[in-house]
N, C-alpha and C. Protein backbone atom coordinates (compact mmCIF):
# COMPACT_ATOMS: atom_id res chain seq x y z
N MET A 1 153.35 113.24 -0.58
CA MET A 1 152.50 112.69 0.47
C MET A 1 151.54 111.68 -0.15
N PRO A 2 151.37 110.48 0.41
CA PRO A 2 150.51 109.47 -0.17
C PRO A 2 149.05 109.91 -0.16
N ASP A 3 148.29 109.38 -1.13
CA ASP A 3 146.88 109.70 -1.23
C ASP A 3 146.13 109.04 -0.08
N ARG A 4 145.39 109.83 0.70
CA ARG A 4 144.64 109.30 1.83
C ARG A 4 143.15 109.24 1.52
N GLY A 5 142.79 109.38 0.25
CA GLY A 5 141.39 109.28 -0.11
C GLY A 5 140.65 110.59 0.13
N PRO A 6 139.33 110.53 0.06
CA PRO A 6 138.54 111.76 0.21
C PRO A 6 138.68 112.33 1.61
N PRO A 7 138.50 113.65 1.74
CA PRO A 7 138.64 114.26 3.06
C PRO A 7 137.49 113.89 3.98
N LEU A 8 137.73 113.97 5.26
CA LEU A 8 136.68 113.82 6.24
C LEU A 8 136.02 115.18 6.44
N ILE A 9 134.71 115.21 6.32
CA ILE A 9 133.96 116.45 6.46
C ILE A 9 133.17 116.38 7.76
N VAL A 10 133.48 117.27 8.70
CA VAL A 10 132.78 117.32 9.97
C VAL A 10 131.87 118.55 9.95
N ALA A 11 130.57 118.31 9.93
CA ALA A 11 129.58 119.38 9.84
C ALA A 11 129.07 119.72 11.23
N ILE A 12 129.13 121.00 11.58
CA ILE A 12 128.59 121.47 12.84
C ILE A 12 127.37 122.32 12.53
N VAL A 13 126.21 121.86 13.00
CA VAL A 13 124.96 122.57 12.77
C VAL A 13 124.30 122.85 14.11
N GLY A 14 123.38 123.79 14.11
CA GLY A 14 122.69 124.13 15.35
C GLY A 14 122.01 125.47 15.25
N ALA A 15 121.13 125.74 16.18
CA ALA A 15 120.41 127.00 16.20
C ALA A 15 121.35 128.15 16.51
N GLU A 16 120.87 129.36 16.34
CA GLU A 16 121.69 130.54 16.61
C GLU A 16 122.14 130.58 18.07
N SER A 17 123.33 131.06 18.30
CA SER A 17 123.91 131.23 19.63
C SER A 17 123.98 129.92 20.40
N SER A 18 124.27 128.83 19.68
CA SER A 18 124.42 127.54 20.35
C SER A 18 125.88 127.07 20.35
N GLY A 19 126.81 127.97 20.02
CA GLY A 19 128.23 127.66 20.16
C GLY A 19 128.88 126.99 18.98
N LYS A 20 128.30 127.08 17.80
CA LYS A 20 128.87 126.40 16.63
C LYS A 20 130.27 126.92 16.30
N SER A 21 130.40 128.24 16.21
CA SER A 21 131.69 128.83 15.80
C SER A 21 132.78 128.58 16.83
N THR A 22 132.43 128.71 18.08
CA THR A 22 133.42 128.47 19.14
C THR A 22 133.88 127.03 19.12
N LEU A 23 132.95 126.09 18.95
CA LEU A 23 133.32 124.68 18.91
C LEU A 23 134.17 124.38 17.68
N ALA A 24 133.79 124.94 16.53
CA ALA A 24 134.55 124.70 15.30
C ALA A 24 135.99 125.18 15.45
N GLN A 25 136.17 126.35 16.01
CA GLN A 25 137.52 126.90 16.20
C GLN A 25 138.34 126.05 17.17
N ALA A 26 137.70 125.61 18.26
CA ALA A 26 138.41 124.79 19.23
C ALA A 26 138.82 123.44 18.64
N LEU A 27 137.94 122.85 17.85
CA LEU A 27 138.28 121.57 17.21
C LEU A 27 139.42 121.76 16.21
N HIS A 28 139.37 122.84 15.46
CA HIS A 28 140.42 123.10 14.48
C HIS A 28 141.77 123.23 15.16
N GLU A 29 141.83 123.97 16.25
CA GLU A 29 143.09 124.15 16.97
C GLU A 29 143.60 122.82 17.53
N ARG A 30 142.72 122.05 18.14
CA ARG A 30 143.15 120.79 18.75
C ARG A 30 143.59 119.77 17.71
N LEU A 31 142.82 119.63 16.65
CA LEU A 31 143.13 118.61 15.65
C LEU A 31 144.34 119.00 14.80
N SER A 32 144.52 120.28 14.55
CA SER A 32 145.72 120.73 13.85
C SER A 32 146.95 120.42 14.68
N ALA A 33 146.84 120.58 15.99
CA ALA A 33 147.96 120.29 16.89
C ALA A 33 148.28 118.80 16.91
N GLU A 34 147.30 117.96 16.53
CA GLU A 34 147.53 116.52 16.48
C GLU A 34 148.23 116.09 15.19
N GLY A 35 148.45 117.02 14.28
CA GLY A 35 149.17 116.70 13.05
C GLY A 35 148.30 116.52 11.84
N LEU A 36 147.01 116.77 11.95
CA LEU A 36 146.12 116.64 10.80
C LEU A 36 146.17 117.89 9.93
N ARG A 37 146.10 117.70 8.62
CA ARG A 37 145.95 118.82 7.70
C ARG A 37 144.48 119.23 7.73
N CYS A 38 144.19 120.16 8.59
CA CYS A 38 142.81 120.47 8.96
C CYS A 38 142.44 121.89 8.51
N ALA A 39 141.29 122.02 7.87
CA ALA A 39 140.78 123.33 7.44
C ALA A 39 139.53 123.68 8.24
N LEU A 40 139.37 124.95 8.50
CA LEU A 40 138.18 125.46 9.16
C LEU A 40 137.45 126.37 8.19
N ILE A 41 136.22 126.02 7.86
CA ILE A 41 135.41 126.83 6.95
C ILE A 41 134.32 127.51 7.77
N GLY A 42 134.42 128.82 7.86
CA GLY A 42 133.46 129.59 8.63
C GLY A 42 132.12 129.74 7.91
N GLU A 43 131.21 130.39 8.58
CA GLU A 43 129.87 130.59 8.04
C GLU A 43 129.88 131.74 7.03
N TRP A 44 129.62 131.41 5.77
CA TRP A 44 129.64 132.42 4.72
C TRP A 44 128.57 133.48 4.96
N LEU A 45 127.45 133.09 5.55
CA LEU A 45 126.38 134.05 5.81
C LEU A 45 126.87 135.20 6.69
N ARG A 46 127.73 134.91 7.64
CA ARG A 46 128.25 135.96 8.52
C ARG A 46 129.00 137.02 7.69
N ASP A 47 129.87 136.55 6.79
CA ASP A 47 130.61 137.49 5.94
C ASP A 47 129.67 138.26 5.02
N TRP A 48 128.67 137.55 4.52
CA TRP A 48 127.71 138.17 3.59
C TRP A 48 126.96 139.30 4.29
N CYS A 49 126.46 139.03 5.48
CA CYS A 49 125.71 140.04 6.23
C CYS A 49 126.59 141.24 6.59
N SER A 50 127.83 140.95 6.94
CA SER A 50 128.76 142.02 7.28
C SER A 50 129.01 142.92 6.08
N HIS A 51 129.16 142.32 4.90
CA HIS A 51 129.43 143.09 3.69
C HIS A 51 128.21 143.88 3.23
N GLU A 52 127.03 143.26 3.30
CA GLU A 52 125.81 143.90 2.80
C GLU A 52 125.14 144.78 3.83
N GLY A 53 125.45 144.57 5.12
CA GLY A 53 124.82 145.36 6.16
C GLY A 53 123.37 144.99 6.43
N ARG A 54 122.99 143.78 6.07
CA ARG A 54 121.60 143.33 6.26
C ARG A 54 121.55 141.81 6.15
N THR A 55 120.40 141.25 6.46
CA THR A 55 120.19 139.82 6.25
C THR A 55 119.71 139.59 4.82
N PRO A 56 119.89 138.39 4.28
CA PRO A 56 119.52 138.14 2.88
C PRO A 56 118.02 138.04 2.66
N ARG A 57 117.62 138.37 1.45
CA ARG A 57 116.24 138.17 1.04
C ARG A 57 116.05 136.73 0.60
N GLN A 58 114.80 136.34 0.41
CA GLN A 58 114.50 134.95 0.08
C GLN A 58 115.23 134.49 -1.18
N GLU A 59 115.24 135.33 -2.20
CA GLU A 59 115.85 134.91 -3.47
C GLU A 59 117.37 134.86 -3.40
N GLU A 60 117.97 135.34 -2.32
CA GLU A 60 119.42 135.32 -2.17
C GLU A 60 119.91 134.11 -1.36
N GLN A 61 118.98 133.37 -0.79
CA GLN A 61 119.34 132.25 0.06
C GLN A 61 120.07 131.13 -0.68
N ALA A 62 119.59 130.80 -1.85
CA ALA A 62 120.19 129.69 -2.62
C ALA A 62 121.65 129.98 -2.95
N GLY A 63 121.96 131.22 -3.31
CA GLY A 63 123.35 131.58 -3.61
C GLY A 63 124.24 131.47 -2.39
N ILE A 64 123.72 131.81 -1.23
CA ILE A 64 124.50 131.71 0.01
C ILE A 64 124.78 130.25 0.33
N ALA A 65 123.78 129.39 0.17
CA ALA A 65 123.98 127.96 0.41
C ALA A 65 125.00 127.37 -0.56
N ALA A 66 124.92 127.76 -1.82
CA ALA A 66 125.85 127.25 -2.83
C ALA A 66 127.27 127.68 -2.53
N GLU A 67 127.46 128.92 -2.08
CA GLU A 67 128.80 129.40 -1.77
C GLU A 67 129.37 128.68 -0.54
N GLN A 68 128.53 128.40 0.45
CA GLN A 68 129.00 127.64 1.61
C GLN A 68 129.50 126.27 1.19
N ALA A 69 128.74 125.60 0.33
CA ALA A 69 129.14 124.28 -0.16
C ALA A 69 130.43 124.37 -0.98
N ARG A 70 130.53 125.39 -1.83
CA ARG A 70 131.71 125.53 -2.68
C ARG A 70 132.97 125.69 -1.84
N ARG A 71 132.90 126.48 -0.79
CA ARG A 71 134.06 126.71 0.06
C ARG A 71 134.49 125.43 0.79
N ILE A 72 133.52 124.67 1.23
CA ILE A 72 133.84 123.41 1.90
C ILE A 72 134.50 122.43 0.93
N GLU A 73 133.93 122.30 -0.25
CA GLU A 73 134.48 121.38 -1.25
C GLU A 73 135.88 121.80 -1.68
N LEU A 74 136.11 123.10 -1.82
CA LEU A 74 137.43 123.59 -2.21
C LEU A 74 138.47 123.26 -1.14
N ALA A 75 138.12 123.43 0.12
CA ALA A 75 139.04 123.12 1.20
C ALA A 75 139.37 121.63 1.23
N GLY A 76 138.40 120.80 0.87
CA GLY A 76 138.62 119.36 0.87
C GLY A 76 139.64 118.90 -0.16
N GLN A 77 139.92 119.72 -1.15
CA GLN A 77 140.89 119.36 -2.17
C GLN A 77 142.33 119.38 -1.66
N SER A 78 142.58 120.11 -0.58
CA SER A 78 143.95 120.24 -0.08
C SER A 78 144.09 119.90 1.40
N HIS A 79 143.04 119.37 2.01
CA HIS A 79 143.09 119.02 3.42
C HIS A 79 142.48 117.64 3.63
N GLU A 80 142.96 116.94 4.65
CA GLU A 80 142.39 115.64 4.94
C GLU A 80 141.20 115.71 5.88
N LEU A 81 141.00 116.85 6.50
CA LEU A 81 139.86 117.05 7.39
C LEU A 81 139.35 118.48 7.22
N VAL A 82 138.04 118.63 7.07
CA VAL A 82 137.42 119.94 6.95
C VAL A 82 136.36 120.08 8.04
N ILE A 83 136.52 121.08 8.88
CA ILE A 83 135.54 121.36 9.93
C ILE A 83 134.67 122.50 9.43
N CYS A 84 133.37 122.27 9.40
CA CYS A 84 132.44 123.22 8.79
C CYS A 84 131.59 123.89 9.87
N ASP A 85 131.75 125.18 10.00
CA ASP A 85 130.89 125.97 10.88
C ASP A 85 129.62 126.29 10.10
N THR A 86 128.71 125.35 10.11
CA THR A 86 127.45 125.28 9.36
C THR A 86 127.68 124.71 7.95
N THR A 87 126.61 124.24 7.37
CA THR A 87 126.56 123.71 6.00
C THR A 87 125.33 124.32 5.32
N PRO A 88 125.11 124.00 4.04
CA PRO A 88 123.91 124.51 3.37
C PRO A 88 122.61 124.12 4.08
N LEU A 89 122.65 123.10 4.91
CA LEU A 89 121.44 122.70 5.62
C LEU A 89 120.89 123.84 6.48
N MET A 90 121.79 124.61 7.11
CA MET A 90 121.32 125.70 7.95
C MET A 90 120.62 126.78 7.13
N THR A 91 121.09 127.02 5.93
CA THR A 91 120.42 127.99 5.06
C THR A 91 119.03 127.50 4.70
N ALA A 92 118.92 126.20 4.42
CA ALA A 92 117.61 125.61 4.09
C ALA A 92 116.66 125.72 5.27
N VAL A 93 117.16 125.46 6.47
CA VAL A 93 116.33 125.52 7.67
C VAL A 93 115.81 126.94 7.89
N TYR A 94 116.69 127.93 7.79
CA TYR A 94 116.26 129.31 8.01
C TYR A 94 115.38 129.82 6.87
N SER A 95 115.56 129.28 5.68
CA SER A 95 114.66 129.65 4.59
C SER A 95 113.24 129.19 4.88
N GLU A 96 113.12 128.02 5.46
CA GLU A 96 111.79 127.55 5.86
C GLU A 96 111.25 128.36 7.03
N PHE A 97 112.10 128.58 8.02
CA PHE A 97 111.66 129.25 9.24
C PHE A 97 111.23 130.70 8.99
N ILE A 98 112.00 131.40 8.17
CA ILE A 98 111.73 132.83 7.96
C ILE A 98 110.77 133.08 6.80
N PHE A 99 110.97 132.34 5.69
CA PHE A 99 110.21 132.62 4.48
C PHE A 99 109.16 131.56 4.15
N GLY A 100 109.15 130.45 4.89
CA GLY A 100 108.24 129.37 4.55
C GLY A 100 108.64 128.64 3.27
N ASP A 101 109.91 128.76 2.90
CA ASP A 101 110.43 128.20 1.64
C ASP A 101 111.21 126.92 1.93
N ARG A 102 110.73 125.79 1.44
CA ARG A 102 111.40 124.51 1.68
C ARG A 102 112.16 124.02 0.44
N SER A 103 112.32 124.88 -0.55
CA SER A 103 112.92 124.45 -1.83
C SER A 103 114.41 124.15 -1.74
N LEU A 104 115.09 124.61 -0.69
CA LEU A 104 116.54 124.41 -0.61
C LEU A 104 116.92 123.10 0.08
N TYR A 105 115.96 122.38 0.62
CA TYR A 105 116.28 121.17 1.38
C TYR A 105 116.90 120.07 0.53
N SER A 106 116.40 119.87 -0.66
CA SER A 106 116.87 118.76 -1.48
C SER A 106 118.37 118.83 -1.70
N GLU A 107 118.85 119.97 -2.16
CA GLU A 107 120.28 120.12 -2.43
C GLU A 107 121.08 120.13 -1.13
N ALA A 108 120.53 120.77 -0.09
CA ALA A 108 121.24 120.85 1.18
C ALA A 108 121.42 119.46 1.81
N LEU A 109 120.40 118.64 1.76
CA LEU A 109 120.50 117.31 2.35
C LEU A 109 121.38 116.39 1.50
N ARG A 110 121.40 116.62 0.19
CA ARG A 110 122.31 115.86 -0.66
C ARG A 110 123.76 116.16 -0.27
N PHE A 111 124.04 117.41 0.02
CA PHE A 111 125.38 117.78 0.48
C PHE A 111 125.65 117.17 1.86
N GLN A 112 124.67 117.23 2.74
CA GLN A 112 124.84 116.72 4.10
C GLN A 112 125.14 115.23 4.11
N GLN A 113 124.60 114.50 3.18
CA GLN A 113 124.83 113.06 3.09
C GLN A 113 126.30 112.73 2.85
N HIS A 114 127.03 113.65 2.25
CA HIS A 114 128.44 113.42 1.96
C HIS A 114 129.34 113.82 3.13
N CYS A 115 128.76 114.40 4.17
CA CYS A 115 129.55 114.74 5.35
C CYS A 115 129.86 113.47 6.14
N SER A 116 131.06 113.40 6.68
CA SER A 116 131.47 112.22 7.42
C SER A 116 130.79 112.13 8.78
N LEU A 117 130.48 113.28 9.35
CA LEU A 117 129.91 113.33 10.69
C LEU A 117 129.15 114.64 10.85
N THR A 118 128.00 114.57 11.52
CA THR A 118 127.23 115.77 11.82
C THR A 118 127.15 115.95 13.32
N LEU A 119 127.58 117.10 13.80
CA LEU A 119 127.50 117.46 15.21
C LEU A 119 126.43 118.53 15.37
N LEU A 120 125.46 118.28 16.24
CA LEU A 120 124.39 119.24 16.52
C LEU A 120 124.64 119.86 17.88
N THR A 121 124.82 121.17 17.93
CA THR A 121 125.11 121.85 19.18
C THR A 121 123.84 122.01 20.01
N ALA A 122 123.96 121.66 21.29
CA ALA A 122 122.81 121.69 22.20
C ALA A 122 122.46 123.12 22.58
N LEU A 123 121.25 123.29 23.07
CA LEU A 123 120.76 124.61 23.47
C LEU A 123 120.99 124.84 24.96
N ASP A 124 122.22 124.67 25.40
CA ASP A 124 122.53 124.79 26.83
C ASP A 124 123.48 125.94 27.13
N LEU A 125 123.64 126.86 26.18
CA LEU A 125 124.48 128.03 26.38
C LEU A 125 123.61 129.29 26.44
N PRO A 126 124.03 130.32 27.14
CA PRO A 126 123.25 131.56 27.16
C PRO A 126 123.22 132.21 25.79
N TRP A 127 122.05 132.77 25.45
CA TRP A 127 121.90 133.44 24.16
C TRP A 127 122.64 134.77 24.17
N VAL A 128 123.36 135.06 23.06
CA VAL A 128 124.12 136.30 22.94
C VAL A 128 123.78 136.94 21.60
N ALA A 129 123.48 138.23 21.61
CA ALA A 129 123.18 138.95 20.37
C ALA A 129 124.41 139.01 19.48
N ASP A 130 124.19 139.05 18.15
CA ASP A 130 125.32 139.06 17.23
C ASP A 130 124.93 139.77 15.93
N GLY A 131 124.84 141.07 16.00
CA GLY A 131 124.60 141.86 14.79
C GLY A 131 123.32 141.49 14.07
N HIS A 132 123.43 141.34 12.74
CA HIS A 132 122.26 141.11 11.90
C HIS A 132 121.73 139.69 11.99
N GLN A 133 122.54 138.74 12.43
CA GLN A 133 122.20 137.34 12.24
C GLN A 133 121.23 136.77 13.26
N ARG A 134 121.22 137.26 14.47
CA ARG A 134 120.42 136.62 15.51
C ARG A 134 119.18 137.42 15.84
N GLN A 135 118.10 136.71 16.15
CA GLN A 135 116.82 137.35 16.39
C GLN A 135 116.49 137.42 17.88
N SER A 136 116.34 136.26 18.53
CA SER A 136 115.99 136.24 19.95
C SER A 136 116.14 134.82 20.47
N PRO A 137 116.19 134.63 21.80
CA PRO A 137 116.29 133.27 22.35
C PRO A 137 115.11 132.39 21.95
N GLU A 138 113.96 133.01 21.68
CA GLU A 138 112.77 132.23 21.33
C GLU A 138 112.91 131.53 20.00
N VAL A 139 113.86 131.95 19.20
CA VAL A 139 114.07 131.34 17.88
C VAL A 139 114.79 130.00 17.99
N GLN A 140 115.55 129.80 19.05
CA GLN A 140 116.41 128.62 19.15
C GLN A 140 115.64 127.31 19.07
N ALA A 141 114.64 127.15 19.90
CA ALA A 141 113.93 125.86 19.96
C ALA A 141 113.26 125.48 18.64
N PRO A 142 112.51 126.36 18.00
CA PRO A 142 111.90 125.96 16.72
C PRO A 142 112.92 125.66 15.63
N VAL A 143 114.03 126.40 15.61
CA VAL A 143 115.07 126.12 14.61
C VAL A 143 115.72 124.77 14.90
N ASP A 144 116.00 124.50 16.17
CA ASP A 144 116.55 123.20 16.55
C ASP A 144 115.62 122.07 16.12
N ALA A 145 114.32 122.26 16.30
CA ALA A 145 113.35 121.24 15.90
C ALA A 145 113.37 121.01 14.39
N LEU A 146 113.52 122.09 13.61
CA LEU A 146 113.57 121.95 12.16
C LEU A 146 114.83 121.21 11.72
N ILE A 147 115.95 121.46 12.38
CA ILE A 147 117.19 120.76 12.04
C ILE A 147 117.02 119.27 12.29
N ARG A 148 116.51 118.93 13.46
CA ARG A 148 116.32 117.51 13.81
C ARG A 148 115.34 116.83 12.85
N ARG A 149 114.26 117.51 12.54
CA ARG A 149 113.27 116.92 11.64
C ARG A 149 113.87 116.66 10.27
N SER A 150 114.63 117.63 9.74
CA SER A 150 115.20 117.46 8.41
C SER A 150 116.20 116.31 8.38
N LEU A 151 117.02 116.17 9.43
CA LEU A 151 117.98 115.08 9.48
C LEU A 151 117.28 113.73 9.62
N LEU A 152 116.24 113.69 10.46
CA LEU A 152 115.49 112.45 10.63
C LEU A 152 114.79 112.05 9.34
N ASP A 153 114.14 112.99 8.69
CA ASP A 153 113.42 112.69 7.45
C ASP A 153 114.36 112.17 6.37
N ALA A 154 115.61 112.64 6.40
CA ALA A 154 116.59 112.21 5.39
C ALA A 154 117.33 110.95 5.83
N GLY A 155 117.05 110.46 7.03
CA GLY A 155 117.73 109.26 7.52
C GLY A 155 119.19 109.49 7.86
N LEU A 156 119.53 110.72 8.28
CA LEU A 156 120.91 111.07 8.59
C LEU A 156 121.12 111.10 10.10
N ALA A 157 122.21 110.51 10.55
CA ALA A 157 122.53 110.47 11.96
C ALA A 157 123.27 111.73 12.39
N TRP A 158 123.18 112.05 13.67
CA TRP A 158 123.95 113.16 14.22
C TRP A 158 124.28 112.85 15.67
N SER A 159 125.24 113.60 16.20
CA SER A 159 125.60 113.50 17.61
C SER A 159 125.35 114.85 18.27
N LEU A 160 124.64 114.83 19.38
CA LEU A 160 124.35 116.06 20.11
C LEU A 160 125.53 116.40 21.00
N ILE A 161 126.03 117.63 20.88
CA ILE A 161 127.19 118.07 21.64
C ILE A 161 126.78 119.18 22.61
N GLY A 162 126.91 118.92 23.90
CA GLY A 162 126.56 119.90 24.92
C GLY A 162 127.70 120.10 25.89
N GLY A 163 127.44 120.92 26.92
CA GLY A 163 128.46 121.21 27.91
C GLY A 163 129.05 122.59 27.70
N HIS A 164 129.70 123.08 28.73
CA HIS A 164 130.29 124.41 28.70
C HIS A 164 131.81 124.34 28.59
N GLY A 165 132.39 125.27 27.86
CA GLY A 165 133.84 125.38 27.79
C GLY A 165 134.53 124.11 27.30
N GLU A 166 135.52 123.70 28.06
CA GLU A 166 136.33 122.54 27.69
C GLU A 166 135.49 121.27 27.62
N ARG A 167 134.44 121.19 28.42
CA ARG A 167 133.59 119.99 28.40
C ARG A 167 132.93 119.83 27.04
N ARG A 168 132.59 120.92 26.40
CA ARG A 168 131.95 120.85 25.08
C ARG A 168 132.94 120.32 24.05
N LEU A 169 134.15 120.82 24.10
CA LEU A 169 135.19 120.33 23.20
C LEU A 169 135.47 118.86 23.44
N GLU A 170 135.57 118.47 24.70
CA GLU A 170 135.85 117.07 25.02
C GLU A 170 134.73 116.16 24.53
N ALA A 171 133.49 116.62 24.63
CA ALA A 171 132.37 115.82 24.13
C ALA A 171 132.47 115.60 22.63
N ALA A 172 132.86 116.64 21.90
CA ALA A 172 133.02 116.51 20.45
C ALA A 172 134.17 115.58 20.11
N LEU A 173 135.27 115.68 20.84
CA LEU A 173 136.42 114.81 20.59
C LEU A 173 136.09 113.36 20.88
N ASP A 174 135.25 113.11 21.88
CA ASP A 174 134.83 111.74 22.17
C ASP A 174 134.11 111.13 20.97
N VAL A 175 133.31 111.94 20.29
CA VAL A 175 132.59 111.46 19.11
C VAL A 175 133.53 111.30 17.93
N LEU A 176 134.48 112.22 17.79
CA LEU A 176 135.37 112.23 16.63
C LEU A 176 136.50 111.20 16.71
N SER A 177 136.92 110.85 17.91
CA SER A 177 138.12 110.02 18.06
C SER A 177 138.08 108.72 17.26
N PRO A 178 136.98 107.93 17.30
CA PRO A 178 136.98 106.69 16.51
C PRO A 178 137.13 106.93 15.02
N LEU A 179 136.64 108.09 14.54
CA LEU A 179 136.72 108.40 13.11
C LEU A 179 138.10 108.87 12.69
N LEU A 180 138.79 109.57 13.59
CA LEU A 180 140.03 110.24 13.24
C LEU A 180 141.29 109.57 13.75
N ALA A 181 141.19 108.78 14.80
CA ALA A 181 142.39 108.27 15.46
C ALA A 181 143.16 107.32 14.56
N ARG A 182 144.45 107.64 14.33
CA ARG A 182 145.37 106.76 13.61
C ARG A 182 146.70 106.85 14.33
N PRO A 183 147.24 105.73 14.77
CA PRO A 183 148.49 105.80 15.53
C PRO A 183 149.65 106.37 14.75
N ASP A 184 149.58 106.35 13.41
CA ASP A 184 150.70 106.87 12.62
C ASP A 184 150.69 108.39 12.51
N ARG A 185 149.53 109.03 12.72
CA ARG A 185 149.43 110.47 12.53
C ARG A 185 148.94 111.22 13.75
N THR A 186 148.00 110.63 14.49
CA THR A 186 147.35 111.34 15.59
C THR A 186 147.49 110.53 16.87
N ALA A 187 148.70 110.53 17.40
CA ALA A 187 148.97 109.73 18.59
C ALA A 187 148.09 110.13 19.76
N GLY A 188 147.82 111.42 19.90
CA GLY A 188 147.00 111.88 21.01
C GLY A 188 145.59 111.34 20.94
N LEU A 189 144.98 111.41 19.76
CA LEU A 189 143.63 110.90 19.61
C LEU A 189 143.59 109.38 19.73
N PHE A 190 144.61 108.71 19.19
CA PHE A 190 144.65 107.25 19.29
C PHE A 190 144.77 106.82 20.75
N SER A 191 145.61 107.51 21.50
CA SER A 191 145.74 107.21 22.93
C SER A 191 144.43 107.50 23.66
N ARG A 192 143.74 108.55 23.25
CA ARG A 192 142.46 108.88 23.85
C ARG A 192 141.45 107.76 23.63
N LEU A 193 141.41 107.24 22.39
CA LEU A 193 140.50 106.15 22.08
C LEU A 193 140.85 104.90 22.87
N GLN A 194 142.14 104.58 22.99
CA GLN A 194 142.55 103.43 23.79
C GLN A 194 142.12 103.60 25.25
N ALA A 195 142.27 104.80 25.78
CA ALA A 195 141.88 105.04 27.17
C ALA A 195 140.38 104.89 27.35
N GLN A 196 139.61 105.35 26.37
CA GLN A 196 138.17 105.20 26.45
C GLN A 196 137.78 103.73 26.49
N GLN A 197 138.41 102.94 25.63
CA GLN A 197 138.08 101.52 25.58
C GLN A 197 138.50 100.80 26.86
N ALA A 198 139.67 101.17 27.39
CA ALA A 198 140.15 100.53 28.60
C ALA A 198 139.25 100.84 29.80
N ALA A 199 138.61 102.00 29.77
CA ALA A 199 137.76 102.39 30.89
C ALA A 199 136.40 101.71 30.86
N GLN A 200 136.06 101.12 29.74
CA GLN A 200 134.76 100.46 29.63
C GLN A 200 134.77 99.13 30.39
N LYS A 201 133.71 98.90 31.16
CA LYS A 201 133.58 97.62 31.85
C LYS A 201 133.20 96.54 30.84
N PRO A 202 133.70 95.31 31.04
CA PRO A 202 133.33 94.24 30.12
C PRO A 202 131.81 94.07 30.07
N TRP A 203 131.29 93.93 28.88
CA TRP A 203 129.85 93.80 28.74
C TRP A 203 129.41 92.40 29.15
N ARG A 204 128.30 92.32 29.87
CA ARG A 204 127.76 91.03 30.30
C ARG A 204 126.25 91.03 30.10
N TRP A 205 125.73 89.85 29.80
CA TRP A 205 124.28 89.72 29.73
C TRP A 205 123.70 90.00 31.11
N PRO A 206 122.61 90.73 31.22
CA PRO A 206 122.01 90.99 32.52
C PRO A 206 121.30 89.77 33.10
N CYS A 207 121.15 88.73 32.31
CA CYS A 207 120.39 87.55 32.77
C CYS A 207 121.08 86.27 32.33
N GLU A 208 122.32 86.08 32.72
CA GLU A 208 123.08 84.93 32.25
C GLU A 208 122.49 83.60 32.74
N GLN A 209 121.76 83.65 33.86
CA GLN A 209 121.15 82.43 34.37
C GLN A 209 119.65 82.39 34.05
N CYS A 210 119.26 83.13 33.04
CA CYS A 210 117.84 83.28 32.72
C CYS A 210 117.21 81.94 32.31
N ASP A 211 115.97 81.72 32.78
CA ASP A 211 115.24 80.51 32.37
C ASP A 211 113.94 80.86 31.65
N GLN A 212 113.83 82.12 31.16
CA GLN A 212 112.65 82.52 30.42
C GLN A 212 112.79 82.06 28.97
N PRO A 213 111.88 81.25 28.47
CA PRO A 213 112.04 80.68 27.12
C PRO A 213 112.04 81.73 26.01
N GLU A 214 111.35 82.86 26.24
CA GLU A 214 111.29 83.88 25.18
C GLU A 214 112.43 84.87 25.25
N CYS A 215 113.36 84.70 26.20
CA CYS A 215 114.44 85.66 26.39
C CYS A 215 115.38 85.66 25.19
N GLU A 216 115.75 86.84 24.78
CA GLU A 216 116.65 86.97 23.63
C GLU A 216 117.98 86.29 23.88
N HIS A 217 118.47 86.36 25.11
CA HIS A 217 119.74 85.73 25.44
C HIS A 217 119.68 84.22 25.20
N ARG A 218 118.60 83.58 25.65
CA ARG A 218 118.47 82.14 25.46
C ARG A 218 118.34 81.80 23.98
N LEU A 219 117.58 82.60 23.26
CA LEU A 219 117.40 82.32 21.83
C LEU A 219 118.73 82.37 21.10
N LEU A 220 119.57 83.37 21.41
CA LEU A 220 120.87 83.49 20.76
C LEU A 220 121.81 82.38 21.19
N ALA A 221 121.78 82.03 22.48
CA ALA A 221 122.67 80.99 22.99
C ALA A 221 122.34 79.64 22.40
N GLU A 222 121.05 79.41 22.11
CA GLU A 222 120.63 78.10 21.60
C GLU A 222 120.66 78.02 20.09
N ARG A 223 120.96 79.13 19.43
CA ARG A 223 121.00 79.12 17.98
C ARG A 223 122.16 78.24 17.50
N PRO A 224 121.93 77.37 16.51
CA PRO A 224 123.00 76.52 15.99
C PRO A 224 124.14 77.36 15.44
N ARG A 225 125.34 76.94 15.71
CA ARG A 225 126.54 77.66 15.24
C ARG A 225 127.12 77.00 13.98
């Protein structure tokens, strides 16, 4: 198989009970069906809590973040696309939220910078308890704010993904299609992107007959070519 370069890393982040795992699984199923060599890396913290029967202590957070990163990087060695149900950034966020510890952000954001795309799950789903990992619905908003702040401070872009059921998956695919669509491998996504473009109305200046001297349209039109 020809070398296709580094893998595409799709990071899904978000507060607890915001649908990260469900979205990651749905994307993995859809994109694998499109012919992509796609890996799904689940949240290592979930396995850790299940094995230990408790949530981690402050000094255990760094190891959990490192293992999450290691698993993602390992999957990238044999797949062209890796869908990540959380990244080390979420460990850093919860370390600040629970312990007041911001020491994990530097490494977590360095990892996040190498992700091809960051999807932030919206807080529009009902909160559901989940063993050791979730606290209460009141935790969602402050955690969401910390995620946004950390991404903004690092100058990293993200796409907010909302909606219920199939609409949530479709919203994520709309964001992913330009990044993933290749007519030689993913005919479905490429056709989706073509349909999106065809549905767009031709763009027009809102003031084509404008006579305002300071108007941006006039300034551009009068610029020497």
